[in-house]
Structures are given as C-alpha cells and as structure tokens.
C-alpha cells in the first residue's frame, strides 16, 4: 500500500514523532508513502515555519525527503475539484489520486472534506479511504497505549484544539473525546464514509 499524506497530517504527526507509527497502521513505511512535491520547500520557508517553529520544521525536512512525491494524476478527477474554493490544489491532487488509484489519504483538512462530500461520484470513490487525525490517534492509542500517545502528542496540543481537548491533563481517557470528534466529523461529511479505526486489522 502507498498511503498519501497531506501537509497538515504530515506536520502534526511528524512533530509528535508519530508519523512512522501512523503509516504502519496501513502496513506501510515512510518510503512507501506519497506526499506533495512542495512539502520540503514549505518546511524550509513560509507559513509552516511560522506555525510549527523553525526547529520543528528543520527536523521534519529529512522525513519529508524520505517520502516520494505523489505521481501524476489524470484530469478526470482533478477537474471535479476545480470550482471548489475550499479545496486547495494540493489537497485536490491527493484526493484525486486516492479516487483514481484506490489509496488511503492521511488528511487533517476538515474544511476540504466538508466541501468534497458533494462532488459527483466522490463519496463512492473515496469510501473508507480518508483517515482523519482523530481516527489515526484512536488507532495509535489502541496500538501503543493512551499514555504513550499522550506523552508524544503533547507538542501538538497548542496547535490543534482537538488534541488539546482530548489529551488534556483532566481527561483520563483521550479515546472518549477522539471517538466523539470522529463521529461528529463522520456525520458532517456524509455521504462520504471516513476510514474506520475500528475496522478489522486497523488497530
């Protein structure tokens, strides 16, 4: 399998030191995955450095270099995203590749997902193939233990409200909150069906 990784998911999982663990859920290594061509450049300058910090981005560059670029995607699917303002060209490329090649996408772009759910034939083409951050963290909690994931994800908490809420010091079991976030997003994006962290073999 060659999972596709969007920029936000790559950065958040990478900052937490969970990127390799996440792709292992899908039976993959980083070298099996695919990412957008611009990612290393974005880590070297621009908005990602302001958001995640220079040292974090510098540490992520070698990881990005391990992940091959996404290949060429046909216009058959790309054209369907052209008029959706909330889906940027990079996200459109990932979703189009997923639809065309049947690949999993690790995605943290909830705004895009809420928009693409109504694209013709997309729900069927992407059914079960969009793995959102809440679902990935749920699966990792089952694999590695909630305490271990809490320790590692702490660096991301200031950057992600879901992580901040679910892994707060007062929340003894983050899985309950993650479950709630996942179910809420799954309802919002119907008829698109998200990847299920409780599916056989997922955790």
Protein backbone atom coordinates (compact mmCIF):
# COMPACT_ATOMS: atom_id res chain seq x y z
CA UNK A 1 0.00 0.00 0.00
CA UNK A 2 1.14 3.57 -0.75
CA UNK A 3 -0.69 5.90 1.65
CA UNK A 4 -0.93 9.56 0.69
CA UNK A 5 -0.14 12.14 3.39
CA UNK A 6 -1.41 15.70 3.34
CA UNK A 7 0.75 18.52 4.68
CA UNK A 8 -1.11 19.14 7.95
CA UNK A 9 -1.25 15.47 8.87
CA UNK A 10 2.43 15.08 7.99
CA UNK A 11 3.44 18.01 10.20
CA UNK A 12 1.30 17.19 13.22
CA UNK A 13 2.19 13.51 13.26
CA UNK A 14 5.81 14.35 12.49
CA UNK A 15 6.13 16.90 15.31
CA UNK A 16 4.70 14.28 17.68
CA UNK A 17 7.12 11.63 16.47
CA UNK A 18 4.16 9.52 15.36
CA UNK A 19 4.48 9.64 11.59
CA UNK A 20 6.08 6.22 11.15
CA UNK A 21 3.71 4.71 13.70
CA UNK A 22 0.76 6.15 11.79
CA UNK A 23 1.72 4.76 8.41
CA UNK A 24 2.43 1.36 9.98
CA UNK A 25 -1.30 1.15 10.73
CA UNK A 26 -1.71 0.73 6.98
CA UNK A 27 1.16 -1.72 6.61
CA UNK A 28 3.50 0.89 5.16
CA UNK A 29 6.85 2.56 5.75
CA UNK A 30 7.58 6.20 5.00
CA UNK A 31 9.27 5.23 1.76
CA UNK A 32 6.02 3.56 0.67
CA UNK A 33 4.01 6.75 1.14
CA UNK A 34 3.49 9.72 -1.14
CA UNK A 35 3.40 13.46 -0.38
CA UNK A 36 3.02 16.71 -2.27
CA UNK A 37 6.11 17.94 -4.17
CA UNK A 38 6.08 21.32 -2.41
CA UNK A 39 6.33 19.94 1.14
CA UNK A 40 10.13 20.20 1.63
CA UNK A 41 10.09 23.75 0.26
CA UNK A 42 7.18 24.67 2.54
CA UNK A 43 9.10 23.33 5.54
CA UNK A 44 12.11 25.50 4.66
CA UNK A 45 10.21 28.77 4.36
CA UNK A 46 6.76 30.23 4.72
CA UNK A 47 3.70 29.53 6.81
CA UNK A 48 4.72 26.12 8.15
CA UNK A 49 7.80 27.56 9.82
CA UNK A 50 5.71 30.25 11.48
CA UNK A 51 3.11 27.73 12.64
CA UNK A 52 5.28 24.86 13.82
CA UNK A 53 8.54 26.66 14.53
CA UNK A 54 11.88 26.63 12.77
CA UNK A 55 13.45 23.79 14.77
CA UNK A 56 10.42 21.53 14.29
CA UNK A 57 10.34 22.18 10.54
CA UNK A 58 14.09 21.61 10.25
CA UNK A 59 13.62 18.23 11.94
CA UNK A 60 10.79 17.33 9.55
CA UNK A 61 12.72 18.04 6.35
CA UNK A 62 14.70 14.74 6.45
CA UNK A 63 11.42 12.88 6.99
CA UNK A 64 9.84 14.65 4.02
CA UNK A 65 12.85 13.75 1.90
CA UNK A 66 12.24 10.05 2.68
CA UNK A 67 8.72 10.21 1.26
CA UNK A 68 8.47 10.10 -2.55
CA UNK A 69 6.43 12.73 -4.35
CA UNK A 70 2.93 11.93 -5.50
CA UNK A 71 2.83 10.91 -9.14
CA UNK A 72 0.88 12.44 -11.98
CA UNK A 73 -2.88 12.40 -11.59
CA UNK A 74 -5.27 12.41 -14.51
CA UNK A 75 -7.55 15.38 -15.07
CA UNK A 76 -10.63 13.15 -14.87
CA UNK A 77 -10.79 13.61 -11.09
CA UNK A 78 -8.83 16.86 -10.76
CA UNK A 79 -11.35 18.73 -12.88
CA UNK A 80 -14.10 17.93 -10.38
CA UNK A 81 -12.31 19.93 -7.69
CA UNK A 82 -11.53 22.97 -9.84
CA UNK A 83 -14.54 25.02 -8.76
CA UNK A 84 -14.37 24.20 -5.03
CA UNK A 85 -12.66 27.18 -3.42
CA UNK A 86 -12.06 25.48 -0.05
CA UNK A 87 -10.04 22.67 -1.64
CA UNK A 88 -6.55 23.86 -2.49
CA UNK A 89 -4.68 22.39 -5.48
CA UNK A 90 -2.53 20.15 -3.29
CA UNK A 91 -5.46 18.60 -1.44
CA UNK A 92 -7.27 18.17 -4.75
CA UNK A 93 -4.27 16.28 -6.10
CA UNK A 94 -4.25 13.92 -3.11
CA UNK A 95 -7.98 13.23 -3.23
CA UNK A 96 -7.89 12.75 -6.98
CA UNK A 97 -5.03 10.25 -6.66
CA UNK A 98 -6.93 8.41 -3.95
CA UNK A 99 -10.06 8.21 -6.07
CA UNK A 100 -8.14 7.16 -9.15
CA UNK A 101 -5.80 4.63 -7.55
CA UNK A 102 -7.75 3.47 -4.51
CA UNK A 103 -5.22 4.79 -1.97
CA UNK A 104 -5.62 5.82 1.68
CA UNK A 105 -5.18 9.53 2.43
CA UNK A 106 -3.99 10.67 5.87
CA UNK A 107 -5.75 14.02 5.98
CA UNK A 108 -6.32 16.75 8.55
CA UNK A 109 -8.14 19.17 6.25
CA UNK A 110 -11.64 19.07 7.67
CA UNK A 111 -12.78 22.10 5.67
CA UNK A 112 -11.90 20.38 2.42
CA UNK A 113 -13.68 17.19 3.45
CA UNK A 114 -16.86 19.09 4.22
CA UNK A 115 -16.75 20.53 0.70
CA UNK A 116 -15.82 17.49 -1.36
CA UNK A 117 -18.57 15.29 0.05
CA UNK A 118 -20.94 16.61 -2.61
CA UNK A 119 -18.61 16.16 -5.59
CA UNK A 120 -20.18 13.81 -8.11
CA UNK A 121 -19.18 10.16 -7.54
CA UNK A 122 -16.57 11.14 -4.94
CA UNK A 123 -18.25 9.56 -1.93
CA UNK A 124 -18.20 6.17 -3.61
CA UNK A 125 -14.64 6.56 -4.92
CA UNK A 126 -13.21 7.61 -1.54
CA UNK A 127 -15.35 5.43 0.73
CA UNK A 128 -13.25 4.27 3.66
CA UNK A 129 -10.08 5.85 2.27
CA UNK A 130 -9.84 9.15 4.17
CA UNK A 131 -8.07 8.63 7.51
CA UNK A 132 -8.56 11.75 9.62
CA UNK A 133 -6.36 12.67 12.57
CA UNK A 134 -8.87 11.63 15.23
CA UNK A 135 -9.17 8.17 13.68
CA UNK A 136 -5.40 7.78 13.40
CA UNK A 137 -4.90 8.79 17.03
CA UNK A 138 -7.60 6.36 18.13
CA UNK A 139 -5.84 3.51 16.35
CA UNK A 140 -2.49 4.56 17.82
CA UNK A 141 -3.94 4.67 21.34
CA UNK A 142 -5.02 1.06 20.88
CA UNK A 143 -1.64 0.03 19.49
CA UNK A 144 0.71 1.99 21.74
CA UNK A 145 -1.43 2.85 24.74
CA UNK A 146 -3.15 6.14 25.52
CA UNK A 147 -0.45 7.27 27.97
CA UNK A 148 2.29 6.87 25.39
CA UNK A 149 0.34 8.76 22.74
CA UNK A 150 -0.49 11.49 25.26
CA UNK A 151 3.21 11.95 26.00
CA UNK A 152 4.18 12.15 22.37
CA UNK A 153 1.29 14.26 21.10
CA UNK A 154 1.79 16.94 23.78
CA UNK A 155 3.96 19.02 21.42
CA UNK A 156 1.00 19.34 19.04
CA UNK A 157 -1.59 20.34 21.67
CA UNK A 158 -1.01 24.11 21.34
CA UNK A 159 -1.58 23.81 17.58
CA UNK A 160 -4.70 21.65 17.48
CA UNK A 161 -7.83 22.19 19.57
CA UNK A 162 -8.99 18.58 19.22
CA UNK A 163 -5.66 17.30 20.53
CA UNK A 164 -5.68 19.91 23.28
CA UNK A 165 -9.14 18.89 24.46
CA UNK A 166 -8.82 15.12 24.14
CA UNK A 167 -5.37 14.88 25.69
CA UNK A 168 -5.80 17.49 28.42
CA UNK A 169 -4.47 16.69 31.88
CA UNK A 170 -8.01 16.40 33.22
CA UNK A 171 -9.06 13.84 30.63
CA UNK A 172 -8.11 10.39 31.89
CA UNK A 173 -9.07 8.59 28.67
CA UNK A 174 -8.49 10.57 25.44
CA UNK A 175 -10.19 7.86 23.41
CA UNK A 176 -13.63 9.02 24.52
CA UNK A 177 -13.04 12.52 23.17
CA UNK A 178 -11.41 11.25 19.98
CA UNK A 179 -14.36 8.95 19.43
CA UNK A 180 -16.73 11.91 19.81
CA UNK A 181 -14.72 14.10 17.41
CA UNK A 182 -14.54 11.29 14.86
CA UNK A 183 -18.28 10.56 15.00
CA UNK A 184 -19.12 14.27 14.70
CA UNK A 185 -16.93 14.73 11.62
CA UNK A 186 -18.18 11.48 10.09
CA UNK A 187 -21.74 12.79 10.37
CA UNK A 188 -20.77 16.14 8.83
CA UNK A 189 -19.18 14.64 5.73
CA UNK A 190 -21.83 12.07 4.86
CA UNK A 191 -22.39 10.54 2.35
CA UNK A 192 -18.59 10.32 2.31
CA UNK A 193 -17.53 7.44 4.58
CA UNK A 194 -14.31 8.01 6.54
CA UNK A 195 -11.73 5.34 7.27
CA UNK A 196 -12.89 3.38 10.30
CA UNK A 197 -10.30 2.94 13.10
CA UNK A 198 -12.37 0.07 14.49
CA UNK A 199 -12.29 -1.89 11.25
CA UNK A 200 -10.76 -5.32 11.38
CA UNK A 201 -6.97 -5.04 11.43
CA UNK A 202 -6.94 -1.25 11.88
CA UNK A 203 -5.82 -1.13 15.49
